[in-house]
Amino acid sequence: MMNITKENTVAEIVSKKLGSDHVFSKYKIDFCCGGGVTLENACKEIGIEFNVLKQEIEALNSKISGEHDLNDLDISSLIDQISEEYHNYIEENLPQIMPIAAKVAQVHGGHAKEVVEINTLLQAVEVVLVEMLKNTETTLFPTIESVLELNNKFDEISTDQIDGIKKAINKTEIAQQLVSDTFKEISNLSTHYTVPADGCNSFRFLYEKLHELDHQLQKYVHFNKHVFFPKVLKLIA
C-alpha cells in the first residue's frame, strides 16, 4: 500500500490511487494542470487538515481495488487507454451537449445570463477540443508508434521525429491549458454546476453532462501531463 505523505503531489496520488480524482474534485483541488502541488500546500489552500484528506483517500481501498500505478503501463497501452477512455468519450458526448447548451441559452438566457456566456465558451472550446483530438490521433500517436517500432529494432530515431513529437506535445499542452481554464470559468459561472430551483429538465441535463465532461477532461489532462507525455519525452531523450 502506498504511504501517503504531505510531500506527495496531487498528480502522484491520482496516478496511483484509483478514485482519488473524485476526492480532489470534491474539495475543488486541481489535479490536472495544477497537479504538481504538494498535498500539504493543496490542503492549506482550501483550508482542510491533511489527515482529513489522507483518510478519505486511504478509505478508497476498502471500496475499490485500491492502487493502479499508471506509470506501470507501456506507451502503447497508454495510447490505447487515451483513445478508448478519453477521446471516445469526448467524441460521443460533446455533440450531445452542444445543441442542449444552445437550447438552454435561447430559452433561459433572458433571466439566466450565465447560460448565454456558458454557451459562448462551449462553442469556442469545442473548436479547440476537436482540433486537439485530431492532431493527437493523426500526428502525435502515429509518430510515437513509428518511434516505438524503430526503438524495438534498435534503429536510430531521426531528429525530425523527435522535433515533431516535442512540437505536438507542446501544442497539445497549450490547448489543454486553454480547455482547463475555460471549464474553470464555466464551473464558476454555473456555481459549480448547481441547477437553479426552477431549472427545466434540459437545464438539469446540461449541467449534469457539463459536470461529467469537466471531470473527464481533468482526468485526461492529468493523464497526458503527468503520465503519458513524461514517458514519451523520456523515450526520445
C-alpha atoms as a PDB file:
ATOM      1  CA  MET A   1       0.000   0.000   0.000  1.00  0.00           C
ATOM      2  CA  MET A   2       1.278   3.466  -0.858  1.00  0.00           C
ATOM      3  CA  ASN A   3       2.216   5.592   2.140  1.00  0.00           C
ATOM      4  CA  ILE A   4       0.598   8.998   1.592  1.00  0.00           C
ATOM      5  CA  THR A   5       2.688  11.914   2.858  1.00  0.00           C
ATOM      6  CA  LYS A   6       2.387  15.689   2.800  1.00  0.00           C
ATOM      7  CA  GLU A   7       5.229  15.770   0.280  1.00  0.00           C
ATOM      8  CA  ASN A   8       3.343  13.696  -2.306  1.00  0.00           C
ATOM      9  CA  THR A   9       1.972  15.755  -5.181  1.00  0.00           C
ATOM     10  CA  VAL A  10      -1.680  15.641  -6.126  1.00  0.00           C
ATOM     11  CA  ALA A  11      -0.702  14.219  -9.524  1.00  0.00           C
ATOM     12  CA  GLU A  12       1.240  11.343  -7.907  1.00  0.00           C
ATOM     13  CA  ILE A  13      -1.797  10.314  -5.881  1.00  0.00           C
ATOM     14  CA  VAL A  14      -4.165  10.418  -8.867  1.00  0.00           C
ATOM     15  CA  SER A  15      -1.726   8.274 -10.853  1.00  0.00           C
ATOM     16  CA  LYS A  16      -1.539   5.638  -8.120  1.00  0.00           C
ATOM     17  CA  LYS A  17      -4.864   5.708  -6.261  1.00  0.00           C
ATOM     18  CA  LEU A  18      -7.965   4.694  -8.189  1.00  0.00           C
ATOM     19  CA  GLY A  19     -10.856   7.037  -7.403  1.00  0.00           C
ATOM     20  CA  SER A  20      -8.732   9.721  -5.743  1.00  0.00           C
ATOM     21  CA  ASP A  21      -9.664  12.137  -8.543  1.00  0.00           C
ATOM     22  CA  HIS A  22     -13.194  12.233  -7.108  1.00  0.00           C
ATOM     23  CA  VAL A  23     -11.855  13.139  -3.662  1.00  0.00           C
ATOM     24  CA  PHE A  24      -9.829  16.003  -5.111  1.00  0.00           C
ATOM     25  CA  SER A  25     -12.815  17.177  -7.163  1.00  0.00           C
ATOM     26  CA  LYS A  26     -14.966  17.164  -4.022  1.00  0.00           C
ATOM     27  CA  TYR A  27     -12.585  19.680  -2.443  1.00  0.00           C
ATOM     28  CA  LYS A  28     -12.078  21.549  -5.732  1.00  0.00           C
ATOM     29  CA  ILE A  29      -8.377  20.675  -5.806  1.00  0.00           C
ATOM     30  CA  ASP A  30      -6.926  20.946  -9.321  1.00  0.00           C
ATOM     31  CA  PHE A  31      -5.348  17.593 -10.198  1.00  0.00           C
ATOM     32  CA  CYS A  32      -4.643  18.228 -13.894  1.00  0.00           C
ATOM     33  CA  CYS A  33      -2.742  21.389 -14.848  1.00  0.00           C
ATOM     34  CA  GLY A  34      -2.151  22.217 -11.168  1.00  0.00           C
ATOM     35  CA  GLY A  35      -1.368  18.648 -10.146  1.00  0.00           C
ATOM     36  CA  GLY A  36       2.255  19.416  -9.294  1.00  0.00           C
ATOM     37  CA  VAL A  37       1.302  20.979  -5.953  1.00  0.00           C
ATOM     38  CA  THR A  38       2.036  19.002  -2.775  1.00  0.00           C
ATOM     39  CA  LEU A  39      -0.811  17.662  -0.649  1.00  0.00           C
ATOM     40  CA  GLU A  40       0.354  19.906   2.182  1.00  0.00           C
ATOM     41  CA  ASN A  41       0.034  23.058   0.083  1.00  0.00           C
ATOM     42  CA  ALA A  42      -3.232  21.903  -1.505  1.00  0.00           C
ATOM     43  CA  CYS A  43      -4.749  21.413   1.955  1.00  0.00           C
ATOM     44  CA  LYS A  44      -3.521  24.814   3.146  1.00  0.00           C
ATOM     45  CA  GLU A  45      -5.002  26.485   0.073  1.00  0.00           C
ATOM     46  CA  ILE A  46      -8.507  25.119   0.659  1.00  0.00           C
ATOM     47  CA  GLY A  47      -8.350  25.151   4.461  1.00  0.00           C
ATOM     48  CA  ILE A  48      -8.622  21.492   5.453  1.00  0.00           C
ATOM     49  CA  GLU A  49      -6.412  19.281   7.598  1.00  0.00           C
ATOM     50  CA  PHE A  50      -4.026  16.987   5.735  1.00  0.00           C
ATOM     51  CA  ASN A  51      -5.174  13.981   7.781  1.00  0.00           C
ATOM     52  CA  VAL A  52      -8.784  14.533   6.695  1.00  0.00           C
ATOM     53  CA  LEU A  53      -7.808  14.346   3.032  1.00  0.00           C
ATOM     54  CA  LYS A  54      -5.427  11.446   3.650  1.00  0.00           C
ATOM     55  CA  GLN A  55      -8.090   9.386   5.440  1.00  0.00           C
ATOM     56  CA  GLU A  56     -10.596   9.901   2.625  1.00  0.00           C
ATOM     57  CA  ILE A  57      -8.073   8.750   0.020  1.00  0.00           C
ATOM     58  CA  GLU A  58      -6.981   5.752   2.093  1.00  0.00           C
ATOM     59  CA  ALA A  59     -10.633   4.803   2.652  1.00  0.00           C
ATOM     60  CA  LEU A  60     -10.942   4.236  -1.098  1.00  0.00           C
ATOM     61  CA  ASN A  61      -9.041   0.973  -0.645  1.00  0.00           C
ATOM     62  CA  SER A  62     -11.965  -0.563   1.191  1.00  0.00           C
ATOM     63  CA  LYS A  63     -14.414   0.385  -1.563  1.00  0.00           C
ATOM     64  CA  ILE A  64     -12.472  -0.261  -4.765  1.00  0.00           C
ATOM     65  CA  SER A  65      -9.403  -2.108  -5.911  1.00  0.00           C
ATOM     66  CA  GLY A  66      -7.040   0.460  -4.430  1.00  0.00           C
ATOM     67  CA  GLU A  67      -3.839   1.147  -6.267  1.00  0.00           C
ATOM     68  CA  HIS A  68      -3.292   1.338 -10.009  1.00  0.00           C
ATOM     69  CA  ASP A  69       0.033   2.845 -10.930  1.00  0.00           C
ATOM     70  CA  LEU A  70      -0.476   4.226 -14.436  1.00  0.00           C
ATOM     71  CA  ASN A  71       3.288   4.557 -14.730  1.00  0.00           C
ATOM     72  CA  ASP A  72       3.488   0.762 -14.966  1.00  0.00           C
ATOM     73  CA  LEU A  73       1.776   0.828 -18.378  1.00  0.00           C
ATOM     74  CA  ASP A  74       3.898   0.927 -21.526  1.00  0.00           C
ATOM     75  CA  ILE A  75       3.450   3.695 -24.091  1.00  0.00           C
ATOM     76  CA  SER A  76       1.357   1.596 -26.491  1.00  0.00           C
ATOM     77  CA  SER A  77      -1.050   0.726 -23.667  1.00  0.00           C
ATOM     78  CA  LEU A  78      -1.246   4.381 -22.657  1.00  0.00           C
ATOM     79  CA  ILE A  79      -2.134   5.356 -26.239  1.00  0.00           C
ATOM     80  CA  ASP A  80      -4.902   2.740 -26.280  1.00  0.00           C
ATOM     81  CA  GLN A  81      -6.259   3.968 -22.963  1.00  0.00           C
ATOM     82  CA  ILE A  82      -6.247   7.602 -24.061  1.00  0.00           C
ATOM     83  CA  SER A  83      -8.128   6.759 -27.264  1.00  0.00           C
ATOM     84  CA  GLU A  84     -10.637   4.394 -25.691  1.00  0.00           C
ATOM     85  CA  GLU A  85     -11.309   6.137 -22.386  1.00  0.00           C
ATOM     86  CA  TYR A  86     -10.944   9.822 -23.191  1.00  0.00           C
ATOM     87  CA  HIS A  87     -11.071  10.513 -26.919  1.00  0.00           C
ATOM     88  CA  ASN A  88     -14.077   8.252 -27.462  1.00  0.00           C
ATOM     89  CA  TYR A  89     -15.861   9.846 -24.511  1.00  0.00           C
ATOM     90  CA  ILE A  90     -15.290  13.383 -25.795  1.00  0.00           C
ATOM     91  CA  GLU A  91     -16.293  12.480 -29.358  1.00  0.00           C
ATOM     92  CA  GLU A  92     -19.510  10.821 -28.161  1.00  0.00           C
ATOM     93  CA  ASN A  93     -20.599  13.357 -25.548  1.00  0.00           C
ATOM     94  CA  LEU A  94     -19.617  16.748 -26.953  1.00  0.00           C
ATOM     95  CA  PRO A  95     -22.120  16.516 -29.859  1.00  0.00           C
ATOM     96  CA  GLN A  96     -24.859  15.720 -27.309  1.00  0.00           C
ATOM     97  CA  ILE A  97     -24.003  18.695 -25.125  1.00  0.00           C
ATOM     98  CA  MET A  98     -23.679  21.433 -27.757  1.00  0.00           C
ATOM     99  CA  PRO A  99     -27.314  21.578 -29.004  1.00  0.00           C
ATOM    100  CA  ILE A 100     -28.643  21.384 -25.433  1.00  0.00           C
ATOM    101  CA  ALA A 101     -26.392  24.281 -24.404  1.00  0.00           C
ATOM    102  CA  ALA A 102     -27.676  26.341 -27.343  1.00  0.00           C
ATOM    103  CA  LYS A 103     -31.289  25.480 -26.462  1.00  0.00           C
ATOM    104  CA  VAL A 104     -30.903  26.375 -22.780  1.00  0.00           C
ATOM    105  CA  ALA A 105     -29.179  29.649 -23.698  1.00  0.00           C
ATOM    106  CA  GLN A 106     -32.001  30.549 -26.087  1.00  0.00           C
ATOM    107  CA  VAL A 107     -34.849  29.618 -23.732  1.00  0.00           C
ATOM    108  CA  HIS A 108     -33.410  30.724 -20.384  1.00  0.00           C
ATOM    109  CA  GLY A 109     -30.857  33.354 -21.392  1.00  0.00           C
ATOM    110  CA  GLY A 110     -33.262  36.205 -20.715  1.00  0.00           C
ATOM    111  CA  HIS A 111     -33.277  35.612 -16.956  1.00  0.00           C
ATOM    112  CA  ALA A 112     -30.166  33.435 -16.568  1.00  0.00           C
ATOM    113  CA  LYS A 113     -27.449  35.404 -18.344  1.00  0.00           C
ATOM    114  CA  GLU A 114     -24.772  32.903 -17.300  1.00  0.00           C
ATOM    115  CA  VAL A 115     -26.087  30.217 -19.680  1.00  0.00           C
ATOM    116  CA  VAL A 116     -25.552  32.531 -22.657  1.00  0.00           C
ATOM    117  CA  GLU A 117     -21.952  33.032 -21.576  1.00  0.00           C
ATOM    118  CA  ILE A 118     -21.530  29.292 -20.971  1.00  0.00           C
ATOM    119  CA  ASN A 119     -22.824  28.531 -24.465  1.00  0.00           C
ATOM    120  CA  THR A 120     -20.364  31.014 -25.987  1.00  0.00           C
ATOM    121  CA  LEU A 121     -17.476  29.469 -24.051  1.00  0.00           C
ATOM    122  CA  LEU A 122     -18.532  25.974 -25.119  1.00  0.00           C
ATOM    123  CA  GLN A 123     -18.622  26.938 -28.783  1.00  0.00           C
ATOM    124  CA  ALA A 124     -15.057  28.222 -28.525  1.00  0.00           C
ATOM    125  CA  VAL A 125     -13.720  25.265 -26.540  1.00  0.00           C
ATOM    126  CA  GLU A 126     -15.402  22.761 -28.872  1.00  0.00           C
ATOM    127  CA  VAL A 127     -13.189  24.005 -31.718  1.00  0.00           C
ATOM    128  CA  VAL A 128     -10.091  23.602 -29.541  1.00  0.00           C
ATOM    129  CA  LEU A 129     -11.046  20.093 -28.410  1.00  0.00           C
ATOM    130  CA  VAL A 130     -11.889  18.817 -31.889  1.00  0.00           C
ATOM    131  CA  GLU A 131      -8.622  20.159 -33.298  1.00  0.00           C
ATOM    132  CA  MET A 132      -6.616  18.807 -30.359  1.00  0.00           C
ATOM    133  CA  LEU A 133      -8.025  15.296 -30.716  1.00  0.00           C
ATOM    134  CA  LYS A 134      -7.498  15.357 -34.476  1.00  0.00           C
ATOM    135  CA  ASN A 135      -3.843  16.399 -34.115  1.00  0.00           C
ATOM    136  CA  THR A 136      -3.235  13.786 -31.443  1.00  0.00           C
ATOM    137  CA  GLU A 137      -4.792  10.912 -33.385  1.00  0.00           C
ATOM    138  CA  THR A 138      -3.410  11.809 -36.823  1.00  0.00           C
ATOM    139  CA  THR A 139       0.006  13.272 -35.965  1.00  0.00           C
ATOM    140  CA  LEU A 140       1.242  12.591 -32.441  1.00  0.00           C
ATOM    141  CA  PHE A 141       0.175   8.967 -31.980  1.00  0.00           C
ATOM    142  CA  PRO A 142       1.407   7.743 -35.410  1.00  0.00           C
ATOM    143  CA  THR A 143       4.777   9.456 -34.908  1.00  0.00           C
ATOM    144  CA  ILE A 144       5.187   7.930 -31.452  1.00  0.00           C
ATOM    145  CA  GLU A 145       4.249   4.496 -32.787  1.00  0.00           C
ATOM    146  CA  SER A 146       6.867   4.858 -35.550  1.00  0.00           C
ATOM    147  CA  VAL A 147       9.476   5.723 -32.938  1.00  0.00           C
ATOM    148  CA  LEU A 148       8.464   2.729 -30.827  1.00  0.00           C
ATOM    149  CA  GLU A 149       8.897   0.469 -33.842  1.00  0.00           C
ATOM    150  CA  LEU A 150      12.356   1.902 -34.535  1.00  0.00           C
ATOM    151  CA  ASN A 151      13.255   1.560 -30.877  1.00  0.00           C
ATOM    152  CA  ASN A 152      12.255  -2.106 -30.880  1.00  0.00           C
ATOM    153  CA  LYS A 153      14.541  -2.670 -33.871  1.00  0.00           C
ATOM    154  CA  PHE A 154      17.336  -0.674 -32.200  1.00  0.00           C
ATOM    155  CA  ASP A 155      17.255   1.715 -35.155  1.00  0.00           C
ATOM    156  CA  GLU A 156      18.132   5.389 -34.766  1.00  0.00           C
ATOM    157  CA  ILE A 157      15.328   7.899 -34.218  1.00  0.00           C
ATOM    158  CA  SER A 158      15.532  10.870 -36.580  1.00  0.00           C
ATOM    159  CA  THR A 159      15.827  14.470 -35.411  1.00  0.00           C
ATOM    160  CA  ASP A 160      12.677  15.298 -37.394  1.00  0.00           C
ATOM    161  CA  GLN A 161      10.704  12.675 -35.461  1.00  0.00           C
ATOM    162  CA  ILE A 162      11.975  13.954 -32.126  1.00  0.00           C
ATOM    163  CA  ASP A 163      11.209  17.578 -33.029  1.00  0.00           C
ATOM    164  CA  GLY A 164       7.792  16.578 -34.370  1.00  0.00           C
ATOM    165  CA  ILE A 165       6.846  14.832 -31.139  1.00  0.00           C
ATOM    166  CA  LYS A 166       8.073  17.724 -28.980  1.00  0.00           C
ATOM    167  CA  LYS A 167       6.158  20.272 -31.059  1.00  0.00           C
ATOM    168  CA  ALA A 168       2.979  18.169 -30.993  1.00  0.00           C
ATOM    169  CA  ILE A 169       3.192  17.754 -27.215  1.00  0.00           C
ATOM    170  CA  ASN A 170       3.766  21.483 -26.734  1.00  0.00           C
ATOM    171  CA  LYS A 171       0.790  22.286 -28.972  1.00  0.00           C
ATOM    172  CA  THR A 172      -1.397  19.861 -27.021  1.00  0.00           C
ATOM    173  CA  GLU A 173      -0.310  21.297 -23.669  1.00  0.00           C
ATOM    174  CA  ILE A 174      -1.230  24.816 -24.786  1.00  0.00           C
ATOM    175  CA  ALA A 175      -4.655  23.571 -25.918  1.00  0.00           C
ATOM    176  CA  GLN A 176      -5.165  21.632 -22.683  1.00  0.00           C
ATOM    177  CA  GLN A 177      -4.392  24.708 -20.588  1.00  0.00           C
ATOM    178  CA  LEU A 178      -6.988  26.662 -22.567  1.00  0.00           C
ATOM    179  CA  VAL A 179      -9.556  23.876 -22.097  1.00  0.00           C
ATOM    180  CA  SER A 180      -8.809  23.680 -18.372  1.00  0.00           C
ATOM    181  CA  ASP A 181      -9.114  27.452 -17.912  1.00  0.00           C
ATOM    182  CA  THR A 182     -12.368  27.530 -19.893  1.00  0.00           C
ATOM    183  CA  PHE A 183     -14.007  24.833 -17.794  1.00  0.00           C
ATOM    184  CA  LYS A 184     -12.941  26.560 -14.583  1.00  0.00           C
ATOM    185  CA  GLU A 185     -14.785  29.610 -15.885  1.00  0.00           C
ATOM    186  CA  ILE A 186     -17.826  27.511 -16.834  1.00  0.00           C
ATOM    187  CA  SER A 187     -17.810  25.914 -13.379  1.00  0.00           C
ATOM    188  CA  ASN A 188     -17.722  29.324 -11.704  1.00  0.00           C
ATOM    189  CA  LEU A 189     -20.474  30.727 -13.932  1.00  0.00           C
ATOM    190  CA  SER A 190     -22.720  27.749 -13.141  1.00  0.00           C
ATOM    191  CA  THR A 191     -21.917  27.897  -9.402  1.00  0.00           C
ATOM    192  CA  HIS A 192     -20.167  24.550  -9.781  1.00  0.00           C
ATOM    193  CA  TYR A 193     -22.970  23.104 -11.922  1.00  0.00           C
ATOM    194  CA  THR A 194     -25.764  23.886  -9.483  1.00  0.00           C
ATOM    195  CA  VAL A 195     -29.136  23.692 -11.265  1.00  0.00           C
ATOM    196  CA  PRO A 196     -31.493  26.582 -10.358  1.00  0.00           C
ATOM    197  CA  ALA A 197     -34.612  25.636  -8.412  1.00  0.00           C
ATOM    198  CA  ASP A 198     -36.765  26.445 -11.441  1.00  0.00           C
ATOM    199  CA  GLY A 199     -34.419  24.747 -13.916  1.00  0.00           C
ATOM    200  CA  CYS A 200     -36.110  22.526 -16.505  1.00  0.00           C
ATOM    201  CA  ASN A 201     -35.005  19.019 -17.495  1.00  0.00           C
ATOM    202  CA  SER A 202     -32.843  20.394 -20.310  1.00  0.00           C
ATOM    203  CA  PHE A 203     -31.152  22.727 -17.838  1.00  0.00           C
ATOM    204  CA  ARG A 204     -30.552  19.821 -15.470  1.00  0.00           C
ATOM    205  CA  PHE A 205     -29.251  17.562 -18.247  1.00  0.00           C
ATOM    206  CA  LEU A 206     -26.866  20.274 -19.463  1.00  0.00           C
ATOM    207  CA  TYR A 207     -25.300  20.884 -16.056  1.00  0.00           C
ATOM    208  CA  GLU A 208     -25.026  17.166 -15.295  1.00  0.00           C
ATOM    209  CA  LYS A 209     -23.289  16.497 -18.616  1.00  0.00           C
ATOM    210  CA  LEU A 210     -21.033  19.541 -18.267  1.00  0.00           C
ATOM    211  CA  HIS A 211     -20.014  18.458 -14.768  1.00  0.00           C
ATOM    212  CA  GLU A 212     -19.229  14.977 -16.059  1.00  0.00           C
ATOM    213  CA  LEU A 213     -17.314  16.331 -19.066  1.00  0.00           C
ATOM    214  CA  ASP A 214     -15.346  18.714 -16.851  1.00  0.00           C
ATOM    215  CA  HIS A 215     -14.252  15.831 -14.622  1.00  0.00           C
ATOM    216  CA  GLN A 216     -13.298  13.607 -17.561  1.00  0.00           C
ATOM    217  CA  LEU A 217     -11.264  16.416 -19.114  1.00  0.00           C
ATOM    218  CA  GLN A 218      -9.412  16.972 -15.842  1.00  0.00           C
ATOM    219  CA  LYS A 219      -8.526  13.261 -15.784  1.00  0.00           C
ATOM    220  CA  TYR A 220      -7.493  13.429 -19.441  1.00  0.00           C
ATOM    221  CA  VAL A 221      -5.195  16.411 -18.882  1.00  0.00           C
ATOM    222  CA  HIS A 222      -3.709  14.743 -15.801  1.00  0.00           C
ATOM    223  CA  PHE A 223      -3.107  11.539 -17.761  1.00  0.00           C
ATOM    224  CA  ASN A 224      -1.276  13.407 -20.518  1.00  0.00           C
ATOM    225  CA  LYS A 225       0.648  15.907 -18.410  1.00  0.00           C
ATOM    226  CA  HIS A 226       1.786  13.658 -15.571  1.00  0.00           C
ATOM    227  CA  VAL A 227       1.926  10.170 -17.103  1.00  0.00           C
ATOM    228  CA  PHE A 228       1.913   9.971 -20.908  1.00  0.00           C
ATOM    229  CA  PHE A 229       3.990  12.955 -22.001  1.00  0.00           C
ATOM    230  CA  PRO A 230       6.818  12.395 -19.457  1.00  0.00           C
ATOM    231  CA  LYS A 231       7.109   8.782 -20.584  1.00  0.00           C
ATOM    232  CA  VAL A 232       7.197   9.769 -24.280  1.00  0.00           C
ATOM    233  CA  LEU A 233       9.779  12.505 -23.668  1.00  0.00           C
ATOM    234  CA  LYS A 234      11.926  10.015 -21.764  1.00  0.00           C
ATOM    235  CA  LEU A 235      11.737   7.659 -24.759  1.00  0.00           C
ATOM    236  CA  ILE A 236      13.107  10.259 -27.175  1.00  0.00           C
ATOM    237  CA  ALA A 237      15.622  11.854 -24.786  1.00  0.00           C
END
